[in-house]
Amino acid sequence: MQKALKLLVLIILLGASSCFRNKSGDEGKTVFRYNESAGITSLDPAFARNQANIWAVNQMFNGLVQLDTALLVKPCIARNWKISPDGKEYTFYLRDDVYFHDNQVFAGGRGRQVKADDFIYSFQRLSDKKIASPGAWVMGPVRMVNDQPDIIAIDDTTLIVRLTKAFPPFLGMLGMQYCSVVPREAVEYYRDEFRSNPVGTGPFRFKLWKEGVKLVMVKNDHYFESENGNRLPYLDAVAVSFIIDKQTAFLEFVKGNLDFISGLHASYKDEILTPSGRLNPKYADRISMTCRPYLNTEYLGILADRNNPVMKNNPLLKREVRQAINYGFDRKRMMRYLRNGIGYPGIQGFIPSGMPGFAENPGFGYDYNPVKARQLLSQAGYPMGKGLPAITLSTNASYLDLCQFIQSQLSQIGIDLKIDVSPPATLRENIAQARVPFFRGSWIADYPDAENYLSLFYSRNHCPEGNNYTQYSNPAFDRLYDVAGTENELSKRSRLYRAMDSLVMEDAPVIVLFYDQVLRLSRRNIRGLGSNPLNLLELKKVKKT
């Protein structure tokens, strides 16, 4: 206990003075440092529901498969697999050289080999209602037998998973951090404290977590993956700080106390970027920037359920009004002046750039056309906006500038838009419970298939039970959705996806703002960081020179 306390004090002191610099006594050690302003709530993969948790979990755990930078499914603990002709049975053949991290829960404190039974336990735990994992839905396609997922182990390295019906996106879903393998011994020993005592198989193993202060992960010397004959990972450790203020975190990055930051924040966007979205030349000698499509659609959502009490006499129930709003503001100008060109104007559809199923010129979507917007308002019975009641848009403070831009532009076509600013957690809860008629939302892909986006409009997914936050219903859409769920050929499935996307854009329960981009800034001595459309942080191949 005393030794652990001394270590904790040392870590905190190091954190207070730009922790883990070589001059602090860690000569020869390579430590990757990043900040997590949102905080981490759990290191248990069953609760890897947000980016902060996912990034940390991804360093310490593995699943059957993983996604590469192009979002193609690649082997991980499963060295290969086969799928039955009817698409309902998946057989995975596991590696026999994967071991859990060393921990006191194992005999002799040495990590034991991962076996097929460990995945059965992990998947059963994920779907256990007592655990109440937010990732339980991942097991939705799996056939249930006696209230348990139909998963069997033929032997220690052969695992069979049976689905209720064919569902092509399932393999990609298994690459999510929810589906990581965990050891029964550790979960049963630590119980509720497994969240802060994680035991996985990943390239880094848990060392210390002082919530709100510092998280430290150290190199797993027994990691099973290698690159060009070199065993991964290359880094000695990963240190995560929890500075809440993003401007302060940015200043720490500029000073060299952090190795990496992700995303664009209003407090520093004009300092780090030129108006055209390029790296400010004064930082070129010490900072590298990468930017690529991010599977995140930012949008305004509209409740489409006439029976919802909050929509009583609401003009947004008229499709022409929703379409008029879509035509009524200039997304290209919005991106140029408020986002420094980071992101793509949302003029195509709901499926974002970078996702299979996205089309550059699909023949549907909305560009800026104020003349068309005024015509639609007249068709709805509101010529030049006369008689149109004020419309309230709910958002949080981070998106206030975008909403004010839209407010200004819509006023020019006769729409009186009011803005209600709520705390992020409050707004998320109100959206999930269908309590706000008009809201700013975003959808980041859980897995690399456009079905993940279109599921937001499937009638059986109405919130609060599902993710259809607009409570949109369209029988034609539902029929296409059901057919696409059984189509194994990607090209045919993509055509069905575009047809569904077209229906959604025509009915306009959403107003697409933009398709995001992953913006990553790193110190120039960082190599191999890369980027991917899911903005997943992969550190096992990173080098620090």
Protein backbone atom coordinates (compact mmCIF):
# COMPACT_ATOMS: atom_id res chain seq x y z
CA MET A 1 0.00 0.00 0.00
CA GLN A 2 2.79 2.42 0.95
CA LYS A 3 4.63 1.67 -2.29
CA ALA A 4 1.46 2.34 -4.31
CA LEU A 5 0.90 5.60 -2.46
CA LYS A 6 4.43 6.78 -3.22
CA LEU A 7 3.91 5.93 -6.90
CA LEU A 8 0.64 7.89 -6.95
CA VAL A 9 2.29 10.95 -5.40
CA LEU A 10 5.14 10.73 -7.91
CA ILE A 11 2.72 10.56 -10.86
CA ILE A 12 0.75 13.57 -9.63
CA LEU A 13 3.93 15.59 -9.09
CA LEU A 14 5.14 14.69 -12.54
CA GLY A 15 1.77 15.73 -13.95
CA ALA A 16 2.01 19.12 -12.26
CA SER A 17 5.33 19.85 -13.93
CA SER A 18 4.73 18.69 -17.50
CA CYS A 19 4.84 15.03 -16.58
CA PHE A 20 7.08 12.46 -18.18
CA ARG A 21 9.58 14.84 -19.75
CA ASN A 22 12.94 13.17 -20.10
CA LYS A 23 14.53 15.75 -17.79
CA SER A 24 12.24 14.48 -15.01
CA GLY A 25 14.32 11.34 -14.71
CA ASP A 26 12.76 9.14 -17.41
CA GLU A 27 15.72 9.32 -19.81
CA GLY A 28 15.35 6.78 -22.59
CA LYS A 29 11.62 6.27 -21.97
CA THR A 30 9.17 7.21 -24.70
CA VAL A 31 5.87 8.36 -23.24
CA PHE A 32 2.99 9.50 -25.44
CA ARG A 33 0.97 12.25 -23.72
CA TYR A 34 -2.52 13.38 -24.62
CA ASN A 35 -5.34 15.19 -22.85
CA GLU A 36 -8.93 14.07 -22.38
CA SER A 37 -11.02 17.15 -21.56
CA ALA A 38 -14.30 15.18 -21.46
CA GLY A 39 -13.00 12.87 -18.74
CA ILE A 40 -13.14 9.08 -18.62
CA THR A 41 -15.98 7.34 -16.78
CA SER A 42 -14.92 3.69 -17.13
CA LEU A 43 -12.06 1.52 -18.42
CA ASP A 44 -14.41 -1.46 -18.78
CA PRO A 45 -15.02 -2.15 -22.50
CA ALA A 46 -18.68 -2.93 -21.75
CA PHE A 47 -19.04 0.81 -21.09
CA ALA A 48 -16.97 2.15 -24.01
CA ARG A 49 -19.84 4.35 -25.13
CA ASN A 50 -18.05 7.62 -25.88
CA GLN A 51 -14.79 8.64 -27.50
CA ALA A 52 -13.00 9.33 -24.21
CA ASN A 53 -13.65 5.81 -22.91
CA ILE A 54 -13.11 4.19 -26.32
CA TRP A 55 -9.64 5.72 -26.78
CA ALA A 56 -8.41 4.44 -23.41
CA VAL A 57 -10.05 1.01 -23.78
CA ASN A 58 -8.56 0.60 -27.25
CA GLN A 59 -5.03 0.71 -25.83
CA MET A 60 -5.67 -2.08 -23.30
CA PHE A 61 -8.08 -4.49 -24.99
CA ASN A 62 -8.58 -6.45 -28.21
CA GLY A 63 -11.45 -8.22 -29.92
CA LEU A 64 -11.85 -10.91 -32.54
CA VAL A 65 -11.32 -8.44 -35.40
CA GLN A 66 -10.11 -4.88 -35.92
CA LEU A 67 -10.55 -2.16 -38.53
CA ASP A 68 -7.71 -0.71 -40.58
CA THR A 69 -7.40 2.94 -41.63
CA ALA A 70 -9.68 2.26 -44.62
CA LEU A 71 -12.27 0.65 -42.26
CA LEU A 72 -11.70 -2.80 -43.73
CA VAL A 73 -12.14 -5.69 -41.28
CA LYS A 74 -8.81 -7.33 -40.43
CA PRO A 75 -7.80 -10.22 -38.15
CA CYS A 76 -6.94 -9.56 -34.51
CA ILE A 77 -7.33 -12.33 -31.92
CA ALA A 78 -9.17 -14.25 -34.64
CA ARG A 79 -6.52 -15.14 -37.22
CA ASN A 80 -9.26 -15.89 -39.80
CA TRP A 81 -12.95 -16.78 -40.10
CA LYS A 82 -15.61 -18.10 -42.42
CA ILE A 83 -19.27 -17.18 -42.90
CA SER A 84 -21.93 -19.72 -43.85
CA PRO A 85 -23.62 -19.33 -47.28
CA ASP A 86 -26.86 -18.16 -45.63
CA GLY A 87 -24.95 -15.49 -43.70
CA LYS A 88 -26.23 -16.68 -40.31
CA GLU A 89 -23.21 -18.54 -38.89
CA TYR A 90 -19.74 -17.12 -38.24
CA THR A 91 -16.85 -19.42 -37.37
CA PHE A 92 -13.74 -17.77 -35.92
CA TYR A 93 -10.33 -19.46 -35.60
CA LEU A 94 -8.36 -17.87 -32.78
CA ARG A 95 -4.65 -17.32 -32.34
CA ASP A 96 -3.05 -19.46 -29.64
CA ASP A 97 -0.41 -16.88 -28.63
CA VAL A 98 -2.63 -14.22 -27.05
CA TYR A 99 -2.40 -13.74 -23.28
CA PHE A 100 -4.18 -11.53 -20.77
CA HIS A 101 -2.04 -8.98 -18.98
CA ASP A 102 -0.16 -10.13 -15.91
CA ASN A 103 -2.35 -9.70 -12.85
CA GLN A 104 -2.82 -11.05 -9.36
CA VAL A 105 -6.09 -12.74 -10.36
CA PHE A 106 -4.17 -15.38 -12.31
CA ALA A 107 -2.08 -18.20 -10.87
CA GLY A 108 1.41 -16.92 -10.17
CA GLY A 109 0.38 -13.44 -11.31
CA ARG A 110 1.17 -14.29 -14.93
CA GLY A 111 -1.43 -13.66 -17.61
CA ARG A 112 -3.07 -16.77 -19.04
CA GLN A 113 -3.89 -17.71 -22.64
CA VAL A 114 -7.07 -16.36 -24.20
CA LYS A 115 -9.50 -19.10 -25.20
CA ALA A 116 -12.79 -19.31 -27.08
CA ASP A 117 -14.68 -19.62 -23.78
CA ASP A 118 -13.44 -16.14 -22.84
CA PHE A 119 -15.35 -14.65 -25.77
CA ILE A 120 -18.48 -16.55 -24.79
CA TYR A 121 -18.20 -15.06 -21.29
CA SER A 122 -17.47 -11.57 -22.65
CA PHE A 123 -20.42 -11.58 -25.07
CA GLN A 124 -22.81 -13.01 -22.46
CA ARG A 125 -21.69 -10.31 -20.06
CA LEU A 126 -22.26 -7.65 -22.74
CA SER A 127 -25.88 -8.75 -23.18
CA ASP A 128 -26.52 -9.32 -19.44
CA LYS A 129 -29.33 -6.98 -18.32
CA LYS A 130 -27.82 -6.83 -14.83
CA ILE A 131 -24.67 -5.29 -16.30
CA ALA A 132 -26.78 -2.77 -18.25
CA SER A 133 -24.05 -2.20 -20.83
CA PRO A 134 -24.88 0.55 -23.36
CA GLY A 135 -23.32 -1.79 -25.92
CA ALA A 136 -25.82 -4.61 -25.37
CA TRP A 137 -27.43 -3.73 -28.72
CA VAL A 138 -24.37 -5.12 -30.51
CA MET A 139 -25.58 -8.61 -29.62
CA GLY A 140 -28.99 -7.80 -31.12
CA PRO A 141 -28.41 -9.75 -34.37
CA VAL A 142 -27.21 -12.83 -32.42
CA ARG A 143 -29.67 -15.68 -31.97
CA MET A 144 -30.76 -16.13 -28.35
CA VAL A 145 -31.14 -19.54 -26.71
CA ASN A 146 -32.51 -19.63 -23.15
CA ASP A 147 -31.87 -15.88 -22.87
CA GLN A 148 -28.19 -16.34 -23.80
CA PRO A 149 -26.43 -15.52 -27.09
CA ASP A 150 -26.07 -18.61 -29.30
CA ILE A 151 -22.27 -18.78 -29.17
CA ILE A 152 -20.36 -22.03 -28.72
CA ALA A 153 -16.74 -23.09 -28.43
CA ILE A 154 -15.76 -26.16 -30.48
CA ASP A 155 -12.35 -26.13 -28.79
CA ASP A 156 -9.99 -23.56 -27.25
CA THR A 157 -9.37 -21.81 -30.59
CA THR A 158 -12.65 -22.29 -32.50
CA LEU A 159 -15.68 -20.09 -31.82
CA ILE A 160 -19.08 -20.17 -33.55
CA VAL A 161 -21.57 -17.28 -33.43
CA ARG A 162 -25.08 -17.80 -34.84
CA LEU A 163 -27.37 -14.96 -35.95
CA THR A 164 -31.17 -14.87 -36.12
CA LYS A 165 -30.91 -13.79 -39.75
CA ALA A 166 -28.21 -12.60 -42.12
CA PHE A 167 -26.85 -9.19 -41.18
CA PRO A 168 -23.81 -8.16 -43.28
CA PRO A 169 -22.63 -5.29 -40.99
CA PHE A 170 -22.20 -7.73 -38.07
CA LEU A 171 -18.54 -8.53 -38.75
CA GLY A 172 -17.63 -4.83 -38.64
CA MET A 173 -19.61 -4.42 -35.42
CA LEU A 174 -17.34 -6.98 -33.76
CA GLY A 175 -14.49 -4.51 -34.24
CA MET A 176 -16.11 -2.16 -31.71
CA GLN A 177 -14.47 -1.85 -28.29
CA TYR A 178 -17.66 -3.18 -26.67
CA CYS A 179 -16.71 -6.59 -28.10
CA SER A 180 -13.28 -6.79 -26.44
CA VAL A 181 -12.42 -9.97 -24.59
CA VAL A 182 -12.24 -9.80 -20.78
CA PRO A 183 -11.15 -12.50 -18.28
CA ARG A 184 -13.80 -13.91 -15.95
CA GLU A 185 -11.28 -14.09 -13.09
CA ALA A 186 -10.65 -10.34 -13.13
CA VAL A 187 -14.30 -9.33 -13.50
CA GLU A 188 -15.39 -11.60 -10.64
CA TYR A 189 -12.46 -10.57 -8.42
CA TYR A 190 -12.78 -6.80 -8.89
CA ARG A 191 -16.58 -6.76 -9.40
CA ASP A 192 -17.75 -3.12 -9.61
CA GLU A 193 -14.13 -1.98 -9.48
CA PHE A 194 -13.23 -3.70 -12.75
CA ARG A 195 -13.93 -0.29 -14.31
CA SER A 196 -10.80 1.02 -12.59
CA ASN A 197 -8.77 -2.22 -12.63
CA PRO A 198 -8.95 -3.32 -16.26
CA VAL A 199 -7.26 -6.51 -17.43
CA GLY A 200 -7.07 -7.00 -21.18
CA THR A 201 -4.79 -8.22 -23.96
CA GLY A 202 -3.89 -4.90 -25.60
CA PRO A 203 -0.54 -3.30 -26.45
CA PHE A 204 -0.59 -1.35 -23.17
CA ARG A 205 -1.53 -2.55 -19.71
CA PHE A 206 -3.10 -0.60 -16.91
CA LYS A 207 -0.77 1.05 -14.38
CA LEU A 208 -2.62 3.82 -12.55
CA TRP A 209 -5.77 5.92 -12.76
CA LYS A 210 -6.35 8.89 -10.50
CA GLU A 211 -9.72 10.05 -11.77
CA GLY A 212 -9.67 13.60 -13.06
CA VAL A 213 -5.89 13.80 -12.63
CA LYS A 214 -3.91 11.20 -14.57
CA LEU A 215 -4.22 7.84 -16.32
CA VAL A 216 -1.04 5.84 -16.98
CA MET A 217 -0.71 2.76 -19.20
CA VAL A 218 2.62 0.98 -19.74
CA LYS A 219 3.96 -1.22 -22.51
CA ASN A 220 2.74 -4.81 -22.64
CA ASP A 221 5.98 -6.73 -23.21
CA HIS A 222 4.02 -9.83 -24.22
CA TYR A 223 1.79 -8.27 -26.88
CA PHE A 224 1.07 -10.66 -29.73
CA GLU A 225 1.18 -8.33 -32.77
CA SER A 226 4.33 -7.29 -34.61
CA GLU A 227 5.31 -5.04 -37.51
CA ASN A 228 8.14 -5.87 -39.91
CA GLY A 229 9.46 -8.40 -37.45
CA ASN A 230 9.38 -5.92 -34.55
CA ARG A 231 7.10 -6.66 -31.62
CA LEU A 232 4.58 -3.92 -30.89
CA PRO A 233 4.15 -1.44 -29.27
CA TYR A 234 7.11 0.89 -29.74
CA LEU A 235 6.17 3.34 -26.96
CA ASP A 236 7.06 2.65 -23.33
CA ALA A 237 3.95 4.26 -21.87
CA VAL A 238 0.88 6.40 -22.47
CA ALA A 239 -0.05 9.21 -20.06
CA VAL A 240 -3.47 10.85 -20.19
CA SER A 241 -4.22 14.16 -18.45
CA PHE A 242 -7.68 15.62 -17.81
CA ILE A 243 -7.50 19.37 -18.40
CA ILE A 244 -11.11 20.48 -18.82
CA ASP A 245 -10.49 23.80 -20.56
CA LYS A 246 -9.63 23.14 -24.21
CA GLN A 247 -7.75 26.41 -24.66
CA THR A 248 -5.51 25.53 -21.71
CA ALA A 249 -4.92 22.08 -23.19
CA PHE A 250 -4.01 23.68 -26.51
CA LEU A 251 -1.45 25.93 -24.79
CA GLU A 252 0.07 22.86 -23.11
CA PHE A 253 0.33 21.24 -26.53
CA VAL A 254 2.03 24.30 -28.03
CA LYS A 255 4.51 24.35 -25.14
CA GLY A 256 5.39 20.71 -25.84
CA ASN A 257 3.75 19.22 -22.75
CA LEU A 258 1.29 17.21 -24.85
CA ASP A 259 2.11 15.21 -27.99
CA PHE A 260 -1.27 15.27 -29.68
CA ILE A 261 -4.67 16.95 -29.78
CA SER A 262 -7.70 16.13 -31.89
CA GLY A 263 -10.54 18.29 -33.13
CA LEU A 264 -11.18 21.96 -33.69
CA HIS A 265 -12.35 24.30 -30.95
CA ALA A 266 -13.42 27.93 -31.33
CA SER A 267 -10.93 29.05 -28.65
CA TYR A 268 -7.91 28.24 -30.80
CA LYS A 269 -9.09 27.55 -34.37
CA ASP A 270 -7.99 30.98 -35.67
CA GLU A 271 -4.62 30.64 -33.94
CA ILE A 272 -3.68 27.25 -35.35
CA LEU A 273 -5.38 27.52 -38.77
CA THR A 274 -5.35 29.99 -41.61
CA PRO A 275 -8.76 31.16 -42.95
CA SER A 276 -8.40 28.54 -45.71
CA GLY A 277 -7.98 25.71 -43.20
CA ARG A 278 -4.21 25.22 -43.46
CA LEU A 279 -1.74 25.00 -40.58
CA ASN A 280 -0.51 28.42 -39.43
CA PRO A 281 3.02 28.71 -40.89
CA LYS A 282 4.48 29.84 -37.56
CA TYR A 283 3.88 26.33 -36.17
CA ALA A 284 5.17 24.39 -39.17
CA ASP A 285 8.56 23.65 -37.61
CA ARG A 286 7.13 21.87 -34.53
CA ILE A 287 3.61 20.69 -35.37
CA SER A 288 2.20 18.32 -37.98
CA MET A 289 -1.44 18.40 -39.10
CA THR A 290 -3.55 15.72 -40.77
CA CYS A 291 -7.11 16.13 -41.95
CA ARG A 292 -9.39 13.50 -43.49
CA PRO A 293 -13.11 12.61 -43.67
CA TYR A 294 -14.67 11.76 -40.31
CA LEU A 295 -17.76 9.56 -40.12
CA ASN A 296 -19.73 12.20 -38.25
CA THR A 297 -22.82 13.92 -39.61
CA GLU A 298 -23.80 17.16 -37.86
CA TYR A 299 -27.48 17.98 -38.30
CA LEU A 300 -30.63 19.63 -37.00
CA GLY A 301 -33.33 17.13 -36.06
CA ILE A 302 -37.09 17.67 -36.15
CA LEU A 303 -39.66 15.55 -34.34
CA ALA A 304 -41.88 14.06 -37.05
CA ASP A 305 -44.46 12.42 -34.75
CA ARG A 306 -47.78 14.28 -34.93
CA ASN A 307 -49.00 12.47 -31.82
CA ASN A 308 -46.20 13.81 -29.63
CA PRO A 309 -47.67 16.54 -27.36
CA VAL A 310 -44.63 18.82 -27.82
CA MET A 311 -45.46 19.05 -31.55
CA LYS A 312 -49.01 20.35 -31.10
CA ASN A 313 -49.69 23.06 -33.73
CA ASN A 314 -45.98 23.16 -34.60
CA PRO A 315 -45.34 24.46 -38.16
CA LEU A 316 -42.41 22.04 -38.47
CA LEU A 317 -44.97 19.27 -39.02
CA LYS A 318 -45.40 20.71 -42.52
CA ARG A 319 -42.87 19.19 -44.91
CA GLU A 320 -42.66 22.41 -46.94
CA VAL A 321 -41.47 24.32 -43.87
CA ARG A 322 -38.79 21.72 -43.16
CA GLN A 323 -37.65 21.83 -46.77
CA ALA A 324 -37.63 25.64 -46.72
CA ILE A 325 -35.24 25.61 -43.76
CA ASN A 326 -33.01 23.18 -45.68
CA TYR A 327 -32.82 25.58 -48.62
CA GLY A 328 -32.67 28.70 -46.46
CA PHE A 329 -29.02 28.98 -45.38
CA ASP A 330 -25.63 28.83 -47.09
CA ARG A 331 -23.71 25.81 -45.76
CA LYS A 332 -20.63 26.58 -47.87
CA ARG A 333 -20.34 30.06 -46.40
CA MET A 334 -20.98 28.68 -42.92
CA MET A 335 -18.10 26.21 -43.26
CA ARG A 336 -15.74 28.82 -44.70
CA TYR A 337 -16.23 31.45 -42.00
CA LEU A 338 -17.14 29.44 -38.89
CA ARG A 339 -15.12 26.25 -39.40
CA ASN A 340 -12.11 27.57 -41.37
CA GLY A 341 -12.99 25.11 -44.12
CA ILE A 342 -12.70 22.02 -41.86
CA GLY A 343 -15.54 19.74 -42.93
CA TYR A 344 -17.76 19.39 -45.98
CA PRO A 345 -21.07 21.25 -46.49
CA GLY A 346 -23.98 18.87 -45.90
CA ILE A 347 -25.67 19.21 -49.28
CA GLN A 348 -25.84 15.54 -50.35
CA GLY A 349 -27.71 13.46 -47.77
CA PHE A 350 -27.42 12.02 -44.27
CA ILE A 351 -24.75 9.41 -45.10
CA PRO A 352 -21.42 11.24 -44.65
CA SER A 353 -18.41 11.53 -46.90
CA GLY A 354 -16.02 8.62 -46.38
CA MET A 355 -18.75 6.05 -45.76
CA PRO A 356 -19.62 3.36 -48.35
CA GLY A 357 -23.00 4.44 -49.70
CA PHE A 358 -22.08 8.13 -49.87
CA ALA A 359 -22.42 9.62 -53.34
CA GLU A 360 -20.78 12.84 -54.49
CA ASN A 361 -23.69 13.74 -56.81
CA PRO A 362 -26.65 11.67 -55.65
CA GLY A 363 -29.40 13.82 -57.19
CA PHE A 364 -30.89 14.65 -53.79
CA GLY A 365 -30.04 16.92 -50.89
CA TYR A 366 -30.18 20.68 -50.39
CA ASP A 367 -27.97 23.55 -51.49
CA TYR A 368 -28.55 27.23 -50.75
CA ASN A 369 -31.62 28.45 -52.65
CA PRO A 370 -33.51 31.28 -50.88
CA VAL A 371 -35.92 31.68 -53.82
CA LYS A 372 -36.97 28.04 -53.55
CA ALA A 373 -37.24 28.43 -49.76
CA ARG A 374 -39.69 31.34 -50.09
CA GLN A 375 -41.77 29.37 -52.62
CA LEU A 376 -42.05 26.47 -50.20
CA LEU A 377 -43.13 28.77 -47.36
CA SER A 378 -45.88 30.15 -49.63
CA GLN A 379 -47.02 26.60 -50.43
CA ALA A 380 -47.19 25.93 -46.69
CA GLY A 381 -49.47 28.96 -46.22
CA TYR A 382 -46.84 31.40 -44.99
CA PRO A 383 -46.02 33.83 -47.84
CA MET A 384 -42.83 35.69 -46.91
CA GLY A 385 -43.18 34.09 -43.48
CA LYS A 386 -46.43 35.89 -42.67
CA GLY A 387 -48.41 34.02 -40.02
CA LEU A 388 -45.53 31.63 -39.33
CA PRO A 389 -45.03 31.22 -35.57
CA ALA A 390 -41.53 31.53 -34.12
CA ILE A 391 -39.56 28.26 -34.19
CA THR A 392 -37.26 27.33 -31.30
CA LEU A 393 -33.99 25.47 -31.91
CA SER A 394 -32.35 23.71 -28.94
CA THR A 395 -28.55 23.48 -28.87
CA ASN A 396 -25.57 23.64 -26.53
CA ALA A 397 -23.04 26.45 -26.20
CA SER A 398 -20.43 24.77 -28.44
CA TYR A 399 -22.68 25.15 -31.48
CA LEU A 400 -24.17 28.54 -30.68
CA ASP A 401 -22.18 30.30 -33.43
CA LEU A 402 -23.48 27.91 -36.12
CA CYS A 403 -27.06 28.26 -34.89
CA GLN A 404 -26.81 32.04 -34.84
CA PHE A 405 -25.55 31.98 -38.43
CA ILE A 406 -28.57 29.90 -39.45
CA GLN A 407 -30.85 32.19 -37.44
CA SER A 408 -29.56 35.23 -39.33
CA GLN A 409 -29.94 33.64 -42.75
CA LEU A 410 -33.43 32.25 -42.11
CA SER A 411 -34.62 35.68 -40.99
CA GLN A 412 -34.02 36.86 -44.57
CA ILE A 413 -36.68 34.46 -45.88
CA GLY A 414 -39.20 35.26 -43.15
CA ILE A 415 -38.48 32.56 -40.55
CA ASP A 416 -38.21 33.76 -36.94
CA LEU A 417 -35.80 31.31 -35.29
CA LYS A 418 -35.29 31.39 -31.52
CA ILE A 419 -32.30 29.64 -29.94
CA ASP A 420 -32.49 27.81 -26.63
CA VAL A 421 -29.08 26.94 -25.13
CA SER A 422 -28.94 23.97 -22.72
CA PRO A 423 -26.09 22.08 -21.01
CA PRO A 424 -24.92 19.17 -23.25
CA ALA A 425 -26.06 16.43 -20.84
CA THR A 426 -29.52 18.01 -20.45
CA LEU A 427 -29.93 18.40 -24.20
CA ARG A 428 -28.87 14.79 -24.87
CA GLU A 429 -31.42 13.51 -22.35
CA ASN A 430 -34.22 15.66 -23.78
CA ILE A 431 -33.42 14.46 -27.30
CA ALA A 432 -33.37 10.83 -26.17
CA GLN A 433 -36.78 11.27 -24.53
CA ALA A 434 -38.31 13.15 -27.52
CA ARG A 435 -38.96 16.29 -25.46
CA VAL A 436 -37.63 18.92 -27.89
CA PRO A 437 -39.27 19.64 -31.27
CA PHE A 438 -36.14 21.00 -32.98
CA PHE A 439 -32.58 20.22 -31.90
CA ARG A 440 -28.94 20.23 -32.92
CA GLY A 441 -27.53 16.71 -33.05
CA SER A 442 -24.70 14.64 -34.47
CA TRP A 443 -24.18 11.01 -35.31
CA ILE A 444 -20.74 9.41 -35.23
CA ALA A 445 -20.51 5.96 -36.80
CA ASP A 446 -20.34 3.00 -34.44
CA TYR A 447 -19.28 0.67 -37.25
CA PRO A 448 -18.36 1.18 -40.92
CA ASP A 449 -21.67 0.56 -42.63
CA ALA A 450 -24.23 3.14 -43.77
CA GLU A 451 -26.94 1.07 -42.06
CA ASN A 452 -25.66 2.64 -38.84
CA TYR A 453 -26.82 6.07 -40.10
CA LEU A 454 -30.05 4.94 -41.69
CA SER A 455 -31.08 3.10 -38.52
CA LEU A 456 -31.89 6.57 -37.13
CA PHE A 457 -34.96 6.62 -39.38
CA TYR A 458 -36.24 3.04 -39.02
CA SER A 459 -39.69 3.09 -37.42
CA ARG A 460 -38.90 0.23 -35.01
CA ASN A 461 -36.05 2.28 -33.53
CA HIS A 462 -38.17 5.14 -32.17
CA CYS A 463 -36.68 6.73 -29.08
CA PRO A 464 -36.53 6.39 -26.12
CA GLU A 465 -36.03 2.66 -26.79
CA GLY A 466 -33.98 3.21 -29.96
CA ASN A 467 -31.90 5.80 -31.79
CA ASN A 468 -34.64 7.23 -34.05
CA TYR A 469 -34.61 10.58 -32.27
CA THR A 470 -36.85 12.29 -34.83
CA GLN A 471 -39.45 9.49 -34.50
CA TYR A 472 -39.64 9.43 -38.29
CA SER A 473 -41.83 6.76 -39.93
CA ASN A 474 -42.10 5.85 -43.60
CA PRO A 475 -43.31 2.36 -44.70
CA ALA A 476 -41.38 2.61 -47.99
CA PHE A 477 -38.18 3.37 -46.07
CA ASP A 478 -38.79 0.46 -43.69
CA ARG A 479 -39.25 -1.99 -46.58
CA LEU A 480 -35.95 -0.93 -48.17
CA TYR A 481 -34.21 -1.11 -44.79
CA ASP A 482 -35.40 -4.69 -44.24
CA VAL A 483 -34.24 -5.76 -47.71
CA ALA A 484 -30.82 -4.12 -47.30
CA GLY A 485 -30.32 -6.01 -44.02
CA THR A 486 -30.23 -9.30 -45.92
CA GLU A 487 -28.16 -8.18 -48.94
CA ASN A 488 -24.59 -9.46 -48.74
CA GLU A 489 -23.27 -7.74 -51.87
CA LEU A 490 -21.99 -4.28 -50.91
CA SER A 491 -22.74 -2.63 -54.28
CA LYS A 492 -26.38 -3.71 -54.18
CA ARG A 493 -26.68 -2.75 -50.52
CA SER A 494 -25.22 0.69 -51.29
CA ARG A 495 -27.89 1.29 -53.96
CA LEU A 496 -30.58 0.48 -51.41
CA TYR A 497 -28.91 2.80 -48.92
CA ARG A 498 -28.96 5.69 -51.41
CA ALA A 499 -32.65 5.07 -52.10
CA MET A 500 -33.37 5.26 -48.36
CA ASP A 501 -31.26 8.38 -47.99
CA SER A 502 -33.25 9.98 -50.83
CA LEU A 503 -36.54 9.30 -49.04
CA VAL A 504 -35.24 10.87 -45.84
CA MET A 505 -34.02 13.97 -47.64
CA GLU A 506 -37.39 14.37 -49.40
CA ASP A 507 -39.34 14.14 -46.13
CA ALA A 508 -36.72 16.31 -44.35
CA PRO A 509 -36.96 15.18 -40.70
CA VAL A 510 -33.33 16.37 -40.54
CA ILE A 511 -31.38 19.33 -41.85
CA VAL A 512 -27.82 18.22 -42.57
CA LEU A 513 -25.30 20.88 -41.59
CA PHE A 514 -21.96 19.33 -42.52
CA TYR A 515 -19.91 16.16 -42.71
CA ASP A 516 -17.04 16.45 -40.29
CA GLN A 517 -13.32 15.94 -40.78
CA VAL A 518 -10.79 14.43 -38.39
CA LEU A 519 -8.30 17.17 -37.58
CA ARG A 520 -5.22 15.89 -35.77
CA LEU A 521 -2.31 17.95 -34.54
CA SER A 522 0.84 16.24 -33.27
CA ARG A 523 4.40 17.16 -32.39
CA ARG A 524 6.78 16.65 -35.29
CA ASN A 525 8.72 13.96 -33.41
CA ILE A 526 5.67 11.67 -33.45
CA ARG A 527 5.68 9.03 -36.18
CA GLY A 528 3.05 6.48 -37.24
CA LEU A 529 0.06 8.15 -35.61
CA GLY A 530 -2.06 8.21 -38.74
CA SER A 531 -5.78 8.85 -38.85
CA ASN A 532 -9.01 7.04 -39.70
CA PRO A 533 -12.64 7.97 -40.45
CA LEU A 534 -13.79 6.76 -37.01
CA ASN A 535 -11.21 8.98 -35.26
CA LEU A 536 -10.05 5.95 -33.30
CA LEU A 537 -6.78 6.52 -31.45
CA GLU A 538 -4.31 3.74 -32.36
CA LEU A 539 -0.99 3.96 -30.51
CA LYS A 540 0.52 0.50 -30.92
CA LYS A 541 2.49 1.55 -34.03
CA VAL A 542 3.41 5.04 -32.87
CA LYS A 543 7.05 6.02 -32.43
CA LYS A 544 8.40 9.02 -30.58
CA THR A 545 11.83 10.15 -31.72
